[in-house]
Amino acid sequence: MESKTGRTEEFRVSGEEVVAKVKELVHEGNVRRIMIRNEKGETVVEFPLTVGVVGVLLLPMWAAIGAAAALLTRCTIVVERVSNER
């Protein structure tokens, strides 16, 4: 899906797969924002990512994602990617 701010994708995962999938997406490097939604479609947690966010700055995000994942059995990860168009 395209938007004015970029392209969005959705991934449906189980609660135990959330942290691994988010780490994979962050590692790709072109992610602007990550939202985790529960089975009802309600946003549980949302993280804007900026260029250059690394290491220690991500620790609070991993803790929050881990806590959210512990409460969810199935969820959707919505990823807003940086648009390649200029």
N, C-alpha and C. Protein backbone atom coordinates (compact mmCIF):
# COMPACT_ATOMS: atom_id res chain seq x y z
N MET A 1 0.85 -1.17 0.00
CA MET A 1 0.00 0.00 0.00
C MET A 1 0.89 1.24 0.00
N GLU A 2 0.58 2.21 -0.84
CA GLU A 2 1.35 3.45 -0.93
C GLU A 2 0.65 4.56 -0.16
N SER A 3 1.42 5.43 0.45
CA SER A 3 0.87 6.60 1.11
C SER A 3 1.77 7.78 0.82
N LYS A 4 1.38 8.98 1.25
CA LYS A 4 2.20 10.16 1.03
C LYS A 4 3.55 10.06 1.72
N THR A 5 3.58 9.36 2.84
CA THR A 5 4.82 9.27 3.61
C THR A 5 5.67 8.07 3.23
N GLY A 6 5.13 7.13 2.49
CA GLY A 6 5.88 5.95 2.11
C GLY A 6 4.98 4.78 1.83
N ARG A 7 5.56 3.62 1.85
CA ARG A 7 4.87 2.37 1.53
C ARG A 7 4.64 1.60 2.82
N THR A 8 3.49 0.96 2.96
CA THR A 8 3.23 0.18 4.16
C THR A 8 3.05 -1.29 3.80
N GLU A 9 3.45 -2.14 4.73
CA GLU A 9 3.30 -3.59 4.59
C GLU A 9 2.77 -4.13 5.90
N GLU A 10 2.08 -5.25 5.84
CA GLU A 10 1.57 -5.90 7.05
C GLU A 10 2.05 -7.33 7.10
N PHE A 11 2.44 -7.77 8.30
CA PHE A 11 2.88 -9.13 8.52
C PHE A 11 2.08 -9.69 9.68
N ARG A 12 1.47 -10.86 9.50
CA ARG A 12 0.74 -11.50 10.57
C ARG A 12 1.66 -12.55 11.20
N VAL A 13 1.86 -12.43 12.50
CA VAL A 13 2.78 -13.32 13.21
C VAL A 13 2.18 -13.73 14.55
N SER A 14 2.75 -14.77 15.14
CA SER A 14 2.34 -15.16 16.48
C SER A 14 3.11 -14.31 17.48
N GLY A 15 2.63 -14.26 18.72
CA GLY A 15 3.26 -13.45 19.74
C GLY A 15 4.73 -13.77 19.93
N GLU A 16 5.08 -15.04 19.82
CA GLU A 16 6.47 -15.43 20.04
C GLU A 16 7.39 -15.06 18.87
N GLU A 17 6.84 -14.74 17.71
CA GLU A 17 7.63 -14.38 16.54
C GLU A 17 7.84 -12.87 16.39
N VAL A 18 7.16 -12.09 17.21
CA VAL A 18 7.15 -10.63 17.05
C VAL A 18 8.54 -10.02 17.13
N VAL A 19 9.28 -10.31 18.19
CA VAL A 19 10.59 -9.68 18.38
C VAL A 19 11.53 -10.02 17.24
N ALA A 20 11.57 -11.28 16.83
CA ALA A 20 12.46 -11.70 15.74
C ALA A 20 12.11 -10.98 14.44
N LYS A 21 10.81 -10.86 14.14
CA LYS A 21 10.38 -10.20 12.90
C LYS A 21 10.71 -8.72 12.93
N VAL A 22 10.49 -8.06 14.06
CA VAL A 22 10.79 -6.63 14.17
C VAL A 22 12.30 -6.40 14.03
N LYS A 23 13.11 -7.24 14.65
CA LYS A 23 14.57 -7.11 14.50
C LYS A 23 14.98 -7.25 13.04
N GLU A 24 14.38 -8.20 12.35
CA GLU A 24 14.66 -8.40 10.93
C GLU A 24 14.30 -7.15 10.13
N LEU A 25 13.14 -6.57 10.41
CA LEU A 25 12.70 -5.38 9.69
C LEU A 25 13.60 -4.18 9.96
N VAL A 26 13.97 -3.98 11.23
CA VAL A 26 14.85 -2.86 11.59
C VAL A 26 16.20 -3.01 10.91
N HIS A 27 16.68 -4.24 10.83
CA HIS A 27 17.97 -4.51 10.21
C HIS A 27 17.97 -4.14 8.72
N GLU A 28 16.81 -4.23 8.07
CA GLU A 28 16.71 -3.87 6.65
C GLU A 28 17.02 -2.40 6.43
N GLY A 29 16.72 -1.55 7.41
CA GLY A 29 17.16 -0.17 7.36
C GLY A 29 16.27 0.85 6.69
N ASN A 30 15.25 0.47 5.95
CA ASN A 30 14.42 1.46 5.28
C ASN A 30 13.04 1.59 5.93
N VAL A 31 12.98 1.30 7.23
CA VAL A 31 11.73 1.35 7.97
C VAL A 31 11.60 2.69 8.69
N ARG A 32 10.47 3.34 8.51
CA ARG A 32 10.21 4.63 9.15
C ARG A 32 9.43 4.46 10.45
N ARG A 33 8.48 3.53 10.47
CA ARG A 33 7.62 3.35 11.64
C ARG A 33 7.16 1.90 11.70
N ILE A 34 7.04 1.38 12.93
CA ILE A 34 6.53 0.03 13.15
C ILE A 34 5.38 0.11 14.14
N MET A 35 4.26 -0.51 13.79
CA MET A 35 3.10 -0.59 14.68
C MET A 35 2.77 -2.06 14.89
N ILE A 36 2.43 -2.40 16.11
CA ILE A 36 1.99 -3.76 16.41
C ILE A 36 0.53 -3.68 16.82
N ARG A 37 -0.31 -4.43 16.11
CA ARG A 37 -1.75 -4.41 16.37
C ARG A 37 -2.21 -5.77 16.86
N ASN A 38 -3.21 -5.75 17.74
CA ASN A 38 -3.75 -7.01 18.25
C ASN A 38 -4.74 -7.60 17.24
N GLU A 39 -5.37 -8.71 17.61
CA GLU A 39 -6.29 -9.41 16.70
C GLU A 39 -7.50 -8.56 16.32
N LYS A 40 -7.85 -7.59 17.15
CA LYS A 40 -8.98 -6.71 16.87
C LYS A 40 -8.59 -5.54 15.98
N GLY A 41 -7.32 -5.41 15.65
CA GLY A 41 -6.85 -4.31 14.81
C GLY A 41 -6.48 -3.07 15.60
N GLU A 42 -6.47 -3.16 16.92
CA GLU A 42 -6.12 -2.01 17.77
C GLU A 42 -4.60 -1.94 17.90
N THR A 43 -4.04 -0.73 17.77
CA THR A 43 -2.60 -0.56 17.90
C THR A 43 -2.20 -0.72 19.37
N VAL A 44 -1.31 -1.68 19.63
CA VAL A 44 -0.83 -1.96 20.97
C VAL A 44 0.41 -1.14 21.27
N VAL A 45 1.30 -1.05 20.30
CA VAL A 45 2.53 -0.29 20.46
C VAL A 45 2.97 0.25 19.09
N GLU A 46 3.55 1.43 19.09
CA GLU A 46 3.98 2.08 17.85
C GLU A 46 5.33 2.74 18.09
N PHE A 47 6.25 2.53 17.13
CA PHE A 47 7.59 3.10 17.25
C PHE A 47 7.98 3.82 15.97
N PRO A 48 8.24 5.11 16.06
CA PRO A 48 8.84 5.78 14.90
C PRO A 48 10.35 5.49 14.94
N LEU A 49 10.92 5.20 13.80
CA LEU A 49 12.35 4.94 13.73
C LEU A 49 13.01 6.04 12.91
N THR A 50 14.14 6.50 13.36
CA THR A 50 14.86 7.53 12.62
C THR A 50 16.16 6.93 12.11
N VAL A 51 16.69 7.52 11.07
CA VAL A 51 17.95 7.06 10.51
C VAL A 51 19.03 7.20 11.57
N GLY A 52 19.82 6.19 11.75
CA GLY A 52 20.91 6.23 12.71
C GLY A 52 20.58 5.70 14.09
N VAL A 53 19.36 5.19 14.29
CA VAL A 53 19.02 4.60 15.59
C VAL A 53 19.69 3.23 15.66
N VAL A 54 20.57 3.06 16.65
CA VAL A 54 21.30 1.80 16.77
C VAL A 54 21.47 1.41 18.23
N GLY A 55 21.89 0.17 18.42
CA GLY A 55 22.34 -0.35 19.70
C GLY A 55 21.52 0.01 20.91
N VAL A 56 22.14 0.74 21.83
CA VAL A 56 21.55 1.06 23.13
C VAL A 56 20.24 1.83 22.98
N LEU A 57 20.11 2.63 21.95
CA LEU A 57 18.88 3.40 21.75
C LEU A 57 17.68 2.50 21.45
N LEU A 58 17.93 1.28 21.00
CA LEU A 58 16.84 0.36 20.69
C LEU A 58 16.41 -0.48 21.88
N LEU A 59 17.17 -0.50 22.97
CA LEU A 59 16.85 -1.35 24.11
C LEU A 59 15.44 -1.12 24.68
N PRO A 60 15.01 0.13 24.90
CA PRO A 60 13.63 0.31 25.40
C PRO A 60 12.58 -0.22 24.41
N MET A 61 12.85 -0.11 23.13
CA MET A 61 11.92 -0.60 22.12
C MET A 61 11.81 -2.12 22.21
N TRP A 62 12.95 -2.82 22.34
CA TRP A 62 12.91 -4.29 22.44
C TRP A 62 12.15 -4.72 23.69
N ALA A 63 12.34 -4.01 24.79
CA ALA A 63 11.63 -4.35 26.04
C ALA A 63 10.13 -4.18 25.86
N ALA A 64 9.71 -3.10 25.23
CA ALA A 64 8.28 -2.86 25.01
C ALA A 64 7.69 -3.89 24.05
N ILE A 65 8.42 -4.22 23.02
CA ILE A 65 7.94 -5.22 22.06
C ILE A 65 7.82 -6.58 22.73
N GLY A 66 8.81 -6.93 23.55
CA GLY A 66 8.77 -8.20 24.28
C GLY A 66 7.58 -8.27 25.22
N ALA A 67 7.29 -7.17 25.92
CA ALA A 67 6.15 -7.12 26.83
C ALA A 67 4.84 -7.25 26.07
N ALA A 68 4.73 -6.57 24.94
CA ALA A 68 3.52 -6.65 24.13
C ALA A 68 3.35 -8.06 23.57
N ALA A 69 4.44 -8.65 23.11
CA ALA A 69 4.38 -10.00 22.53
C ALA A 69 3.92 -11.02 23.56
N ALA A 70 4.30 -10.83 24.82
CA ALA A 70 3.89 -11.76 25.87
C ALA A 70 2.39 -11.76 26.07
N LEU A 71 1.72 -10.66 25.73
CA LEU A 71 0.28 -10.54 25.92
C LEU A 71 -0.52 -10.97 24.68
N LEU A 72 0.13 -11.14 23.56
CA LEU A 72 -0.57 -11.40 22.31
C LEU A 72 -0.34 -12.83 21.83
N THR A 73 -1.38 -13.44 21.28
CA THR A 73 -1.20 -14.75 20.67
C THR A 73 -1.00 -14.59 19.17
N ARG A 74 -1.80 -13.75 18.55
CA ARG A 74 -1.65 -13.43 17.12
C ARG A 74 -1.67 -11.92 17.00
N CYS A 75 -0.85 -11.39 16.13
CA CYS A 75 -0.85 -9.94 15.94
C CYS A 75 -0.42 -9.61 14.52
N THR A 76 -0.54 -8.34 14.19
CA THR A 76 -0.13 -7.85 12.89
C THR A 76 0.92 -6.78 13.11
N ILE A 77 2.02 -6.89 12.37
CA ILE A 77 3.05 -5.86 12.40
C ILE A 77 2.85 -5.02 11.15
N VAL A 78 2.61 -3.73 11.34
CA VAL A 78 2.45 -2.82 10.22
C VAL A 78 3.74 -2.02 10.10
N VAL A 79 4.33 -2.05 8.92
CA VAL A 79 5.62 -1.41 8.69
C VAL A 79 5.45 -0.30 7.67
N GLU A 80 5.85 0.90 8.03
CA GLU A 80 5.86 2.01 7.09
C GLU A 80 7.29 2.19 6.63
N ARG A 81 7.51 2.03 5.36
CA ARG A 81 8.87 2.10 4.79
C ARG A 81 9.09 3.49 4.18
N VAL A 82 10.33 3.87 4.10
CA VAL A 82 10.73 5.12 3.47
C VAL A 82 10.47 4.99 1.99
N SER A 83 9.84 5.98 1.41
CA SER A 83 9.56 5.98 -0.01
C SER A 83 10.84 6.19 -0.78
N ASN A 84 11.02 5.43 -1.87
CA ASN A 84 12.21 5.57 -2.70
C ASN A 84 12.08 6.68 -3.73
N GLU A 85 10.86 7.18 -3.92
CA GLU A 85 10.63 8.25 -4.90
C GLU A 85 11.03 9.59 -4.33
N ARG A 86 11.48 10.48 -5.14
CA ARG A 86 11.86 11.83 -4.72
C ARG A 86 11.12 12.84 -5.54
